Amino acid sequence: PLGLSIHDEYLYITDTYNNKIKRVSTSTGEAISIAGTGQAGFR
């Protein structure tokens, strides 16, 4: 991962080599994928 931002107690992560955007809870550490298939592309 290369980048992160925070909003409403959640970290939003550029999971760079997975070609995804993920959300991580600052309180529990739980991570979920919110955008991206995992394959490189532009869609």
Full PDB file with SEQRES, HELIX, SHEET, SSBOND, CRYST1, ORIGX, SCALE, CONECT and MASTER records, all heavy atoms in Angstrom:
SEQRES   1 A   43  PRO LEU GLY LEU SER ILE HIS ASP GLU TYR LEU TYR ILE          
SEQRES   2 A   43  THR ASP THR TYR ASN ASN LYS ILE LYS ARG VAL SER THR          
SEQRES   3 A   43  SER THR GLY GLU ALA ILE SER ILE ALA GLY THR GLY GLN          
SEQRES   4 A   43  ALA GLY PHE ARG                                              
HELIX    1 AA1 THR A   16  ASN A   18  5                                   3    
SHEET    1 AA1 4 GLY A   3  HIS A   7  0                                        
SHEET    2 AA1 4 TYR A  10  ASP A  15 -1                                        
SHEET    3 AA1 4 LYS A  20  SER A  25 -1                                        
SHEET    4 AA1 4 ALA A  31  ALA A  35 -1                                        
CRYST1    1.000    1.000    1.000  90.00  90.00  90.00 P 1           1          
ORIGX1      1.000000  0.000000  0.000000        0.00000                         
ORIGX2      0.000000  1.000000  0.000000        0.00000                         
ORIGX3      0.000000  0.000000  1.000000        0.00000                         
SCALE1      1.000000  0.000000  0.000000        0.00000                         
SCALE2      0.000000  1.000000  0.000000        0.00000                         
SCALE3      0.000000  0.000000  1.000000        0.00000                         
ATOM      1  N   PRO A   1       0.838  -1.211   0.000  1.00  0.00           N  
ATOM      2  CA  PRO A   1       0.000   0.000   0.000  1.00  0.00           C  
ATOM      3  C   PRO A   1       0.865   1.251   0.000  1.00  0.00           C  
ATOM      4  O   PRO A   1       1.922   1.280   0.632  1.00  0.00           O  
ATOM      5  CB  PRO A   1      -0.798  -0.127   1.306  1.00  0.00           C  
ATOM      6  CG  PRO A   1       0.120  -0.912   2.209  1.00  0.00           C  
ATOM      7  CD  PRO A   1       0.825  -1.888   1.312  1.00  0.00           C  
ATOM      8  N   LEU A   2       0.391   2.292  -0.687  1.00  0.00           N  
ATOM      9  CA  LEU A   2       1.173   3.533  -0.784  1.00  0.00           C  
ATOM     10  C   LEU A   2       0.485   4.754  -0.194  1.00  0.00           C  
ATOM     11  O   LEU A   2       1.160   5.726   0.143  1.00  0.00           O  
ATOM     12  CB  LEU A   2       1.506   3.832  -2.250  1.00  0.00           C  
ATOM     13  CG  LEU A   2       2.612   3.014  -2.896  1.00  0.00           C  
ATOM     14  CD1 LEU A   2       2.763   3.400  -4.360  1.00  0.00           C  
ATOM     15  CD2 LEU A   2       3.933   3.183  -2.168  1.00  0.00           C  
ATOM     16  N   GLY A   3      -0.836   4.743  -0.103  1.00  0.00           N  
ATOM     17  CA  GLY A   3      -1.522   5.950   0.342  1.00  0.00           C  
ATOM     18  C   GLY A   3      -2.648   5.640   1.300  1.00  0.00           C  
ATOM     19  O   GLY A   3      -3.206   4.540   1.300  1.00  0.00           O  
ATOM     20  N   LEU A   4      -2.992   6.635   2.123  1.00  0.00           N  
ATOM     21  CA  LEU A   4      -4.129   6.478   3.022  1.00  0.00           C  
ATOM     22  C   LEU A   4      -4.682   7.836   3.404  1.00  0.00           C  
ATOM     23  O   LEU A   4      -3.991   8.844   3.401  1.00  0.00           O  
ATOM     24  CB  LEU A   4      -3.772   5.654   4.266  1.00  0.00           C  
ATOM     25  CG  LEU A   4      -2.917   6.250   5.389  1.00  0.00           C  
ATOM     26  CD1 LEU A   4      -2.859   5.259   6.556  1.00  0.00           C  
ATOM     27  CD2 LEU A   4      -1.503   6.531   4.940  1.00  0.00           C  
ATOM     28  N   SER A   5      -5.994   7.835   3.702  1.00  0.00           N  
ATOM     29  CA  SER A   5      -6.706   9.012   4.164  1.00  0.00           C  
ATOM     30  C   SER A   5      -7.676   8.552   5.233  1.00  0.00           C  
ATOM     31  O   SER A   5      -7.896   7.342   5.408  1.00  0.00           O  
ATOM     32  CB  SER A   5      -7.433   9.691   3.000  1.00  0.00           C  
ATOM     33  OG  SER A   5      -8.021  10.912   3.405  1.00  0.00           O  
ATOM     34  N   ILE A   6      -8.249   9.489   5.983  1.00  0.00           N  
ATOM     35  CA  ILE A   6      -9.138   9.101   7.073  1.00  0.00           C  
ATOM     36  C   ILE A   6     -10.443   9.878   6.982  1.00  0.00           C  
ATOM     37  O   ILE A   6     -10.455  11.064   6.635  1.00  0.00           O  
ATOM     38  CB  ILE A   6      -8.446   9.313   8.444  1.00  0.00           C  
ATOM     39  CG1 ILE A   6      -9.213   8.602   9.546  1.00  0.00           C  
ATOM     40  CG2 ILE A   6      -8.235  10.796   8.744  1.00  0.00           C  
ATOM     41  CD1 ILE A   6      -8.400   8.404  10.813  1.00  0.00           C  
ATOM     42  N   HIS A   7     -11.547   9.171   7.292  1.00  0.00           N  
ATOM     43  CA  HIS A   7     -12.875   9.775   7.224  1.00  0.00           C  
ATOM     44  C   HIS A   7     -13.801   8.976   8.136  1.00  0.00           C  
ATOM     45  O   HIS A   7     -13.939   7.754   7.990  1.00  0.00           O  
ATOM     46  CB  HIS A   7     -13.397   9.744   5.779  1.00  0.00           C  
ATOM     47  CG  HIS A   7     -14.744  10.349   5.601  1.00  0.00           C  
ATOM     48  ND1 HIS A   7     -14.953  11.717   5.596  1.00  0.00           N  
ATOM     49  CD2 HIS A   7     -15.967   9.791   5.427  1.00  0.00           C  
ATOM     50  CE1 HIS A   7     -16.233  11.967   5.405  1.00  0.00           C  
ATOM     51  NE2 HIS A   7     -16.880  10.811   5.314  1.00  0.00           N  
ATOM     52  N   ASP A   8     -14.431   9.663   9.092  1.00  0.00           N  
ATOM     53  CA  ASP A   8     -15.399   9.030   9.999  1.00  0.00           C  
ATOM     54  C   ASP A   8     -14.843   7.761  10.657  1.00  0.00           C  
ATOM     55  O   ASP A   8     -15.467   6.699  10.628  1.00  0.00           O  
ATOM     56  CB  ASP A   8     -16.692   8.688   9.250  1.00  0.00           C  
ATOM     57  CG  ASP A   8     -17.520   9.929   8.951  1.00  0.00           C  
ATOM     58  OD1 ASP A   8     -17.228  10.987   9.535  1.00  0.00           O  
ATOM     59  OD2 ASP A   8     -18.448   9.837   8.132  1.00  0.00           O  
ATOM     60  N   GLU A   9     -13.654   7.869  11.227  1.00  0.00           N  
ATOM     61  CA  GLU A   9     -13.027   6.777  11.983  1.00  0.00           C  
ATOM     62  C   GLU A   9     -12.548   5.617  11.107  1.00  0.00           C  
ATOM     63  O   GLU A   9     -12.121   4.582  11.628  1.00  0.00           O  
ATOM     64  CB  GLU A   9     -13.973   6.220  13.060  1.00  0.00           C  
ATOM     65  CG  GLU A   9     -14.547   7.255  14.007  1.00  0.00           C  
ATOM     66  CD  GLU A   9     -13.520   7.797  14.996  1.00  0.00           C  
ATOM     67  OE1 GLU A   9     -12.549   7.074  15.286  1.00  0.00           O  
ATOM     68  OE2 GLU A   9     -13.689   8.942  15.472  1.00  0.00           O  
ATOM     69  N   TYR A  10     -12.587   5.785   9.781  1.00  0.00           N  
ATOM     70  CA  TYR A  10     -12.091   4.736   8.891  1.00  0.00           C  
ATOM     71  C   TYR A  10     -10.892   5.250   8.099  1.00  0.00           C  
ATOM     72  O   TYR A  10     -10.870   6.401   7.655  1.00  0.00           O  
ATOM     73  CB  TYR A  10     -13.169   4.283   7.899  1.00  0.00           C  
ATOM     74  CG  TYR A  10     -14.264   3.445   8.518  1.00  0.00           C  
ATOM     75  CD1 TYR A  10     -15.493   4.013   8.828  1.00  0.00           C  
ATOM     76  CD2 TYR A  10     -14.064   2.084   8.773  1.00  0.00           C  
ATOM     77  CE1 TYR A  10     -16.513   3.243   9.376  1.00  0.00           C  
ATOM     78  CE2 TYR A  10     -15.075   1.311   9.333  1.00  0.00           C  
ATOM     79  CZ  TYR A  10     -16.295   1.895   9.633  1.00  0.00           C  
ATOM     80  OH  TYR A  10     -17.303   1.141  10.188  1.00  0.00           O  
ATOM     81  N   LEU A  11      -9.920   4.366   7.911  1.00  0.00           N  
ATOM     82  CA  LEU A  11      -8.818   4.636   7.001  1.00  0.00           C  
ATOM     83  C   LEU A  11      -9.183   4.099   5.619  1.00  0.00           C  
ATOM     84  O   LEU A  11      -9.693   2.969   5.500  1.00  0.00           O  
ATOM     85  CB  LEU A  11      -7.537   3.945   7.484  1.00  0.00           C  
ATOM     86  CG  LEU A  11      -6.892   4.496   8.748  1.00  0.00           C  
ATOM     87  CD1 LEU A  11      -5.823   3.538   9.251  1.00  0.00           C  
ATOM     88  CD2 LEU A  11      -6.285   5.873   8.497  1.00  0.00           C  
ATOM     89  N   TYR A  12      -8.931   4.893   4.599  1.00  0.00           N  
ATOM     90  CA  TYR A  12      -9.127   4.450   3.220  1.00  0.00           C  
ATOM     91  C   TYR A  12      -7.744   4.299   2.593  1.00  0.00           C  
ATOM     92  O   TYR A  12      -6.930   5.231   2.612  1.00  0.00           O  
ATOM     93  CB  TYR A  12     -10.004   5.443   2.468  1.00  0.00           C  
ATOM     94  CG  TYR A  12     -11.433   5.400   2.953  1.00  0.00           C  
ATOM     95  CD1 TYR A  12     -11.823   6.081   4.110  1.00  0.00           C  
ATOM     96  CD2 TYR A  12     -12.398   4.641   2.290  1.00  0.00           C  
ATOM     97  CE1 TYR A  12     -13.128   6.017   4.587  1.00  0.00           C  
ATOM     98  CE2 TYR A  12     -13.711   4.571   2.751  1.00  0.00           C  
ATOM     99  CZ  TYR A  12     -14.062   5.263   3.900  1.00  0.00           C  
ATOM    100  OH  TYR A  12     -15.358   5.182   4.366  1.00  0.00           O  
ATOM    101  N   ILE A  13      -7.475   3.114   2.059  1.00  0.00           N  
ATOM    102  CA  ILE A  13      -6.124   2.709   1.673  1.00  0.00           C  
ATOM    103  C   ILE A  13      -6.043   2.475   0.172  1.00  0.00           C  
ATOM    104  O   ILE A  13      -6.926   1.831  -0.413  1.00  0.00           O  
ATOM    105  CB  ILE A  13      -5.730   1.378   2.376  1.00  0.00           C  
ATOM    106  CG1 ILE A  13      -6.085   1.398   3.867  1.00  0.00           C  
ATOM    107  CG2 ILE A  13      -4.263   1.046   2.149  1.00  0.00           C  
ATOM    108  CD1 ILE A  13      -5.325   2.378   4.681  1.00  0.00           C  
ATOM    109  N   THR A  14      -4.986   2.978  -0.466  1.00  0.00           N  
ATOM    110  CA  THR A  14      -4.676   2.517  -1.821  1.00  0.00           C  
ATOM    111  C   THR A  14      -3.816   1.267  -1.671  1.00  0.00           C  
ATOM    112  O   THR A  14      -2.629   1.337  -1.351  1.00  0.00           O  
ATOM    113  CB  THR A  14      -3.930   3.585  -2.645  1.00  0.00           C  
ATOM    114  OG1 THR A  14      -2.723   3.968  -1.974  1.00  0.00           O  
ATOM    115  CG2 THR A  14      -4.784   4.810  -2.856  1.00  0.00           C  
ATOM    116  N   ASP A  15      -4.452   0.112  -1.873  1.00  0.00           N  
ATOM    117  CA  ASP A  15      -3.745  -1.168  -1.790  1.00  0.00           C  
ATOM    118  C   ASP A  15      -3.098  -1.401  -3.147  1.00  0.00           C  
ATOM    119  O   ASP A  15      -3.608  -2.117  -4.005  1.00  0.00           O  
ATOM    120  CB  ASP A  15      -4.744  -2.276  -1.425  1.00  0.00           C  
ATOM    121  CG  ASP A  15      -4.050  -3.558  -1.002  1.00  0.00           C  
ATOM    122  OD1 ASP A  15      -2.812  -3.568  -0.917  1.00  0.00           O  
ATOM    123  OD2 ASP A  15      -4.763  -4.557  -0.767  1.00  0.00           O  
ATOM    124  N   THR A  16      -1.947  -0.790  -3.330  1.00  0.00           N  
ATOM    125  CA  THR A  16      -1.410  -0.474  -4.650  1.00  0.00           C  
ATOM    126  C   THR A  16      -1.192  -1.702  -5.531  1.00  0.00           C  
ATOM    127  O   THR A  16      -1.677  -1.755  -6.663  1.00  0.00           O  
ATOM    128  CB  THR A  16      -0.103   0.324  -4.492  1.00  0.00           C  
ATOM    129  OG1 THR A  16      -0.378   1.483  -3.694  1.00  0.00           O  
ATOM    130  CG2 THR A  16       0.445   0.768  -5.835  1.00  0.00           C  
ATOM    131  N   TYR A  17      -0.452  -2.686  -5.044  1.00  0.00           N  
ATOM    132  CA  TYR A  17      -0.152  -3.839  -5.900  1.00  0.00           C  
ATOM    133  C   TYR A  17      -1.327  -4.800  -6.019  1.00  0.00           C  
ATOM    134  O   TYR A  17      -1.293  -5.707  -6.851  1.00  0.00           O  
ATOM    135  CB  TYR A  17       1.088  -4.566  -5.394  1.00  0.00           C  
ATOM    136  CG  TYR A  17       2.394  -3.886  -5.757  1.00  0.00           C  
ATOM    137  CD1 TYR A  17       2.418  -2.674  -6.424  1.00  0.00           C  
ATOM    138  CD2 TYR A  17       3.617  -4.460  -5.427  1.00  0.00           C  
ATOM    139  CE1 TYR A  17       3.607  -2.057  -6.753  1.00  0.00           C  
ATOM    140  CE2 TYR A  17       4.815  -3.860  -5.751  1.00  0.00           C  
ATOM    141  CZ  TYR A  17       4.809  -2.659  -6.414  1.00  0.00           C  
ATOM    142  OH  TYR A  17       6.003  -2.056  -6.742  1.00  0.00           O  
ATOM    143  N   ASN A  18      -2.355  -4.615  -5.200  1.00  0.00           N  
ATOM    144  CA  ASN A  18      -3.596  -5.369  -5.390  1.00  0.00           C  
ATOM    145  C   ASN A  18      -4.571  -4.634  -6.298  1.00  0.00           C  
ATOM    146  O   ASN A  18      -5.676  -5.136  -6.564  1.00  0.00           O  
ATOM    147  CB  ASN A  18      -4.271  -5.656  -4.046  1.00  0.00           C  
ATOM    148  CG  ASN A  18      -3.625  -6.810  -3.309  1.00  0.00           C  
ATOM    149  OD1 ASN A  18      -3.117  -7.747  -3.918  1.00  0.00           O  
ATOM    150  ND2 ASN A  18      -3.615  -6.743  -1.981  1.00  0.00           N  
ATOM    151  N   ASN A  19      -4.210  -3.420  -6.739  1.00  0.00           N  
ATOM    152  CA  ASN A  19      -5.059  -2.624  -7.636  1.00  0.00           C  
ATOM    153  C   ASN A  19      -6.448  -2.409  -7.038  1.00  0.00           C  
ATOM    154  O   ASN A  19      -7.462  -2.483  -7.738  1.00  0.00           O  
ATOM    155  CB  ASN A  19      -5.171  -3.308  -9.007  1.00  0.00           C  
ATOM    156  CG  ASN A  19      -3.825  -3.562  -9.644  1.00  0.00           C  
ATOM    157  OD1 ASN A  19      -3.063  -2.632  -9.906  1.00  0.00           O  
ATOM    158  ND2 ASN A  19      -3.499  -4.830  -9.859  1.00  0.00           N  
ATOM    159  N   LYS A  20      -6.488  -2.117  -5.730  1.00  0.00           N  
ATOM    160  CA  LYS A  20      -7.748  -1.957  -5.015  1.00  0.00           C  
ATOM    161  C   LYS A  20      -7.713  -0.745  -4.090  1.00  0.00           C  
ATOM    162  O   LYS A  20      -6.645  -0.247  -3.719  1.00  0.00           O  
ATOM    163  CB  LYS A  20      -8.043  -3.191  -4.161  1.00  0.00           C  
ATOM    164  CG  LYS A  20      -8.559  -4.393  -4.911  1.00  0.00           C  
ATOM    165  CD  LYS A  20      -8.942  -5.501  -3.920  1.00  0.00           C  
ATOM    166  CE  LYS A  20      -9.620  -6.663  -4.606  1.00  0.00           C  
ATOM    167  NZ  LYS A  20     -10.060  -7.688  -3.622  1.00  0.00           N  
ATOM    168  N   ILE A  21      -8.920  -0.324  -3.693  1.00  0.00           N  
ATOM    169  CA  ILE A  21      -9.090   0.617  -2.601  1.00  0.00           C  
ATOM    170  C   ILE A  21      -9.757  -0.161  -1.461  1.00  0.00           C  
ATOM    171  O   ILE A  21     -10.756  -0.857  -1.682  1.00  0.00           O  
ATOM    172  CB  ILE A  21      -9.976   1.817  -3.011  1.00  0.00           C  
ATOM    173  CG1 ILE A  21      -9.453   2.448  -4.304  1.00  0.00           C  
ATOM    174  CG2 ILE A  21     -10.018   2.833  -1.880  1.00  0.00           C  
ATOM    175  CD1 ILE A  21      -8.031   2.942  -4.256  1.00  0.00           C  
ATOM    176  N   LYS A  22      -9.188  -0.047  -0.262  1.00  0.00           N  
ATOM    177  CA  LYS A  22      -9.739  -0.770   0.879  1.00  0.00           C  
ATOM    178  C   LYS A  22     -10.047   0.196   2.019  1.00  0.00           C  
ATOM    179  O   LYS A  22      -9.465   1.284   2.107  1.00  0.00           O  
ATOM    180  CB  LYS A  22      -8.776  -1.858   1.347  1.00  0.00           C  
ATOM    181  CG  LYS A  22      -8.594  -2.966   0.314  1.00  0.00           C  
ATOM    182  CD  LYS A  22      -7.820  -4.150   0.838  1.00  0.00           C  
ATOM    183  CE  LYS A  22      -7.741  -5.245  -0.211  1.00  0.00           C  
ATOM    184  NZ  LYS A  22      -7.001  -6.428   0.265  1.00  0.00           N  
ATOM    185  N   ARG A  23     -10.962  -0.243   2.893  1.00  0.00           N  
ATOM    186  CA  ARG A  23     -11.330   0.531   4.072  1.00  0.00           C  
ATOM    187  C   ARG A  23     -10.952  -0.261   5.310  1.00  0.00           C  
ATOM    188  O   ARG A  23     -11.243  -1.455   5.416  1.00  0.00           O  
ATOM    189  CB  ARG A  23     -12.836   0.816   4.077  1.00  0.00           C  
ATOM    190  CG  ARG A  23     -13.271   1.799   5.157  1.00  0.00           C  
ATOM    191  CD  ARG A  23     -14.772   1.987   5.160  1.00  0.00           C  
ATOM    192  NE  ARG A  23     -15.454   0.826   5.735  1.00  0.00           N  
ATOM    193  CZ  ARG A  23     -16.779   0.705   5.832  1.00  0.00           C  
ATOM    194  NH1 ARG A  23     -17.562   1.672   5.375  1.00  0.00           N  
ATOM    195  NH2 ARG A  23     -17.319  -0.376   6.355  1.00  0.00           N  
ATOM    196  N   VAL A  24     -10.296   0.429   6.262  1.00  0.00           N  
ATOM    197  CA  VAL A  24      -9.824  -0.212   7.490  1.00  0.00           C  
ATOM    198  C   VAL A  24     -10.375   0.547   8.688  1.00  0.00           C  
ATOM    199  O   VAL A  24     -10.247   1.772   8.772  1.00  0.00           O  
ATOM    200  CB  VAL A  24      -8.280  -0.248   7.544  1.00  0.00           C  
ATOM    201  CG1 VAL A  24      -7.792  -0.819   8.877  1.00  0.00           C  
ATOM    202  CG2 VAL A  24      -7.722  -1.056   6.378  1.00  0.00           C  
ATOM    203  N   SER A  25     -10.975  -0.167   9.617  1.00  0.00           N  
ATOM    204  CA  SER A  25     -11.491   0.445  10.837  1.00  0.00           C  
ATOM    205  C   SER A  25     -10.340   0.819  11.758  1.00  0.00           C  
ATOM    206  O   SER A  25      -9.465  -0.007  12.039  1.00  0.00           O  
ATOM    207  CB  SER A  25     -12.437  -0.523  11.549  1.00  0.00           C  
ATOM    208  OG  SER A  25     -12.738  -0.053  12.852  1.00  0.00           O  
ATOM    209  N   THR A  26     -10.316   2.065  12.235  1.00  0.00           N  
ATOM    210  CA  THR A  26      -9.261   2.472  13.164  1.00  0.00           C  
ATOM    211  C   THR A  26      -9.450   1.850  14.540  1.00  0.00           C  
ATOM    212  O   THR A  26      -8.499   1.780  15.324  1.00  0.00           O  
ATOM    213  CB  THR A  26      -9.223   4.000  13.309  1.00  0.00           C  
ATOM    214  OG1 THR A  26     -10.505   4.468  13.757  1.00  0.00           O  
ATOM    215  CG2 THR A  26      -8.874   4.678  11.994  1.00  0.00           C  
ATOM    216  N   SER A  27     -10.637   1.384  14.851  1.00  0.00           N  
ATOM    217  CA  SER A  27     -10.886   0.800  16.178  1.00  0.00           C  
ATOM    218  C   SER A  27     -10.670  -0.703  16.216  1.00  0.00           C  
ATOM    219  O   SER A  27     -10.128  -1.244  17.185  1.00  0.00           O  
ATOM    220  CB  SER A  27     -12.311   1.117  16.640  1.00  0.00           C  
ATOM    221  OG  SER A  27     -13.266   0.643  15.707  1.00  0.00           O  
ATOM    222  N   THR A  28     -11.062  -1.425  15.145  1.00  0.00           N  
ATOM    223  CA  THR A  28     -10.949  -2.884  15.154  1.00  0.00           C  
ATOM    224  C   THR A  28      -9.890  -3.422  14.208  1.00  0.00           C  
ATOM    225  O   THR A  28      -9.466  -4.575  14.335  1.00  0.00           O  
ATOM    226  CB  THR A  28     -12.295  -3.521  14.757  1.00  0.00           C  
ATOM    227  OG1 THR A  28     -12.575  -3.238  13.381  1.00  0.00           O  
ATOM    228  CG2 THR A  28     -13.421  -2.997  15.634  1.00  0.00           C  
ATOM    229  N   GLY A  29      -9.462  -2.624  13.227  1.00  0.00           N  
ATOM    230  CA  GLY A  29      -8.499  -3.097  12.244  1.00  0.00           C  
ATOM    231  C   GLY A  29      -9.102  -3.941  11.140  1.00  0.00           C  
ATOM    232  O   GLY A  29      -8.376  -4.454  10.276  1.00  0.00           O  
ATOM    233  N   GLU A  30     -10.429  -4.078  11.123  1.00  0.00           N  
ATOM    234  CA  GLU A  30     -11.059  -4.876  10.075  1.00  0.00           C  
ATOM    235  C   GLU A  30     -10.917  -4.175   8.726  1.00  0.00           C  
ATOM    236  O   GLU A  30     -11.142  -2.974   8.597  1.00  0.00           O  
ATOM    237  CB  GLU A  30     -12.540  -5.091  10.375  1.00  0.00           C  
ATOM    238  CG  GLU A  30     -13.224  -5.966   9.334  1.00  0.00           C  
ATOM    239  CD  GLU A  30     -14.707  -6.157   9.599  1.00  0.00           C  
ATOM    240  OE1 GLU A  30     -15.280  -5.338  10.363  1.00  0.00           O  
ATOM    241  OE2 GLU A  30     -15.286  -7.101   9.050  1.00  0.00           O  
ATOM    242  N   ALA A  31     -10.563  -4.956   7.689  1.00  0.00           N  
ATOM    243  CA  ALA A  31     -10.345  -4.414   6.349  1.00  0.00           C  
ATOM    244  C   ALA A  31     -11.342  -5.008   5.375  1.00  0.00           C  
ATOM    245  O   ALA A  31     -11.615  -6.223   5.410  1.00  0.00           O  
ATOM    246  CB  ALA A  31      -8.930  -4.723   5.875  1.00  0.00           C  
ATOM    247  N   ILE A  32     -11.904  -4.156   4.508  1.00  0.00           N  
ATOM    248  CA  ILE A  32     -12.771  -4.637   3.432  1.00  0.00           C  
ATOM    249  C   ILE A  32     -12.388  -3.933   2.140  1.00  0.00           C  
ATOM    250  O   ILE A  32     -11.933  -2.787   2.139  1.00  0.00           O  
ATOM    251  CB  ILE A  32     -14.270  -4.393   3.741  1.00  0.00           C  
ATOM    252  CG1 ILE A  32     -14.567  -2.889   3.826  1.00  0.00           C  
ATOM    253  CG2 ILE A  32     -14.706  -5.122   4.987  1.00  0.00           C  
ATOM    254  CD1 ILE A  32     -16.060  -2.574   3.827  1.00  0.00           C  
ATOM    255  N   SER A  33     -12.563  -4.641   1.023  1.00  0.00           N  
ATOM    256  CA  SER A  33     -12.346  -4.045  -0.297  1.00  0.00           C  
ATOM    257  C   SER A  33     -13.585  -3.260  -0.692  1.00  0.00           C  
ATOM    258  O   SER A  33     -14.700  -3.770  -0.583  1.00  0.00           O  
ATOM    259  CB  SER A  33     -12.084  -5.139  -1.337  1.00  0.00           C  
ATOM    260  OG  SER A  33     -10.944  -5.903  -1.013  1.00  0.00           O  
ATOM    261  N   ILE A  34     -13.391  -2.023  -1.134  1.00  0.00           N  
ATOM    262  CA  ILE A  34     -14.552  -1.222  -1.551  1.00  0.00           C  
ATOM    263  C   ILE A  34     -14.552  -0.918  -3.041  1.00  0.00           C  
ATOM    264  O   ILE A  34     -15.590  -0.563  -3.592  1.00  0.00           O  
ATOM    265  CB  ILE A  34     -14.651   0.092  -0.748  1.00  0.00           C  
ATOM    266  CG1 ILE A  34     -13.454   1.003  -1.035  1.00  0.00           C  
ATOM    267  CG2 ILE A  34     -14.789  -0.181   0.744  1.00  0.00           C  
ATOM    268  CD1 ILE A  34     -13.647   2.417  -0.524  1.00  0.00           C  
ATOM    269  N   ALA A  35     -13.403  -1.059  -3.699  1.00  0.00           N  
ATOM    270  CA  ALA A  35     -13.354  -0.785  -5.139  1.00  0.00           C  
ATOM    271  C   ALA A  35     -12.155  -1.490  -5.752  1.00  0.00           C  
ATOM    272  O   ALA A  35     -11.090  -1.570  -5.148  1.00  0.00           O  
ATOM    273  CB  ALA A  35     -13.285   0.712  -5.416  1.00  0.00           C  
ATOM    274  N   GLY A  36     -12.366  -2.005  -6.967  1.00  0.00           N  
ATOM    275  CA  GLY A  36     -11.310  -2.689  -7.690  1.00  0.00           C  
ATOM    276  C   GLY A  36     -11.519  -4.191  -7.703  1.00  0.00           C  
ATOM    277  O   GLY A  36     -11.875  -4.789  -6.686  1.00  0.00           O  
ATOM    278  N   THR A  37     -11.271  -4.795  -8.866  1.00  0.00           N  
ATOM    279  CA  THR A  37     -11.400  -6.251  -8.989  1.00  0.00           C  
ATOM    280  C   THR A  37     -10.181  -6.988  -8.460  1.00  0.00           C  
ATOM    281  O   THR A  37     -10.239  -8.179  -8.193  1.00  0.00           O  
ATOM    282  CB  THR A  37     -11.573  -6.649 -10.463  1.00  0.00           C  
ATOM    283  OG1 THR A  37     -10.382  -6.276 -11.187  1.00  0.00           O  
ATOM    284  CG2 THR A  37     -12.777  -5.969 -11.092  1.00  0.00           C  
ATOM    285  N   GLY A  38      -9.061  -6.279  -8.353  1.00  0.00           N  
ATOM    286  CA  GLY A  38      -7.796  -6.922  -8.025  1.00  0.00           C  
ATOM    287  C   GLY A  38      -6.912  -7.090  -9.247  1.00  0.00           C  
ATOM    288  O   GLY A  38      -5.709  -7.268  -9.120  1.00  0.00           O  
ATOM    289  N   GLN A  39      -7.514  -7.025 -10.437  1.00  0.00           N  
ATOM    290  CA  GLN A  39      -6.751  -7.094 -11.682  1.00  0.00           C  
ATOM    291  C   GLN A  39      -6.505  -5.682 -12.204  1.00  0.00           C  
ATOM    292  O   GLN A  39      -7.381  -4.828 -12.112  1.00  0.00           O  
ATOM    293  CB  GLN A  39      -7.519  -7.899 -12.733  1.00  0.00           C  
ATOM    294  CG  GLN A  39      -7.775  -9.345 -12.347  1.00  0.00           C  
ATOM    295  CD  GLN A  39      -6.496 -10.125 -12.145  1.00  0.00           C  
ATOM    296  OE1 GLN A  39      -5.591 -10.070 -12.981  1.00  0.00           O  
ATOM    297  NE2 GLN A  39      -6.403 -10.847 -11.038  1.00  0.00           N  
ATOM    298  N   ALA A  40      -5.321  -5.462 -12.737  1.00  0.00           N  
ATOM    299  CA  ALA A  40      -4.994  -4.148 -13.284  1.00  0.00           C  
ATOM    300  C   ALA A  40      -5.887  -3.830 -14.470  1.00  0.00           C  
ATOM    301  O   ALA A  40      -6.120  -4.680 -15.330  1.00  0.00           O  
ATOM    302  CB  ALA A  40      -3.530  -4.099 -13.705  1.00  0.00           C  
ATOM    303  N   GLY A  41      -6.398  -2.607 -14.516  1.00  0.00           N  
ATOM    304  CA  GLY A  41      -7.240  -2.199 -15.632  1.00  0.00           C  
ATOM    305  C   GLY A  41      -7.786  -0.811 -15.413  1.00  0.00           C  
ATOM    306  O   GLY A  41      -7.453  -0.139 -14.434  1.00  0.00           O  
ATOM    307  N   PHE A  42      -8.632  -0.384 -16.335  1.00  0.00           N  
ATOM    308  CA  PHE A  42      -9.278   0.930 -16.218  1.00  0.00           C  
ATOM    309  C   PHE A  42     -10.744   0.741 -16.572  1.00  0.00           C  
ATOM    310  O   PHE A  42     -11.111   0.657 -17.749  1.00  0.00           O  
ATOM    311  CB  PHE A  42      -8.627   1.951 -17.157  1.00  0.00           C  
ATOM    312  CG  PHE A  42      -9.159   3.348 -16.967  1.00  0.00           C  
ATOM    313  CD1 PHE A  42      -8.499   4.243 -16.148  1.00  0.00           C  
ATOM    314  CD2 PHE A  42     -10.322   3.761 -17.589  1.00  0.00           C  
ATOM    315  CE1 PHE A  42      -8.984   5.531 -15.970  1.00  0.00           C  
ATOM    316  CE2 PHE A  42     -10.824   5.042 -17.414  1.00  0.00           C  
ATOM    317  CZ  PHE A  42     -10.153   5.920 -16.598  1.00  0.00           C  
ATOM    318  N   ARG A  43     -11.560   0.634 -15.536  1.00  0.00           N  
ATOM    319  CA  ARG A  43     -12.983   0.443 -15.774  1.00  0.00           C  
ATOM    320  C   ARG A  43     -13.769   1.135 -14.676  1.00  0.00           C  
ATOM    321  O   ARG A  43     -13.512   0.945 -13.484  1.00  0.00           O  
ATOM    322  CB  ARG A  43     -13.337  -1.045 -15.790  1.00  0.00           C  
ATOM    323  CG  ARG A  43     -14.801  -1.314 -16.185  1.00  0.00           C  
ATOM    324  CD  ARG A  43     -15.049  -2.786 -16.404  1.00  0.00           C  
ATOM    325  NE  ARG A  43     -15.000  -3.540 -15.169  1.00  0.00           N  
ATOM    326  CZ  ARG A  43     -14.814  -4.853 -15.094  1.00  0.00           C  
ATOM    327  NH1 ARG A  43     -14.608  -5.544 -16.204  1.00  0.00           N  
ATOM    328  NH2 ARG A  43     -14.808  -5.475 -13.930  1.00  0.00           N  
TER     329      ARG A  43                                                      
MASTER        0    0    0    1    4    0    0    6  328    1    0    4          
END                                                                             
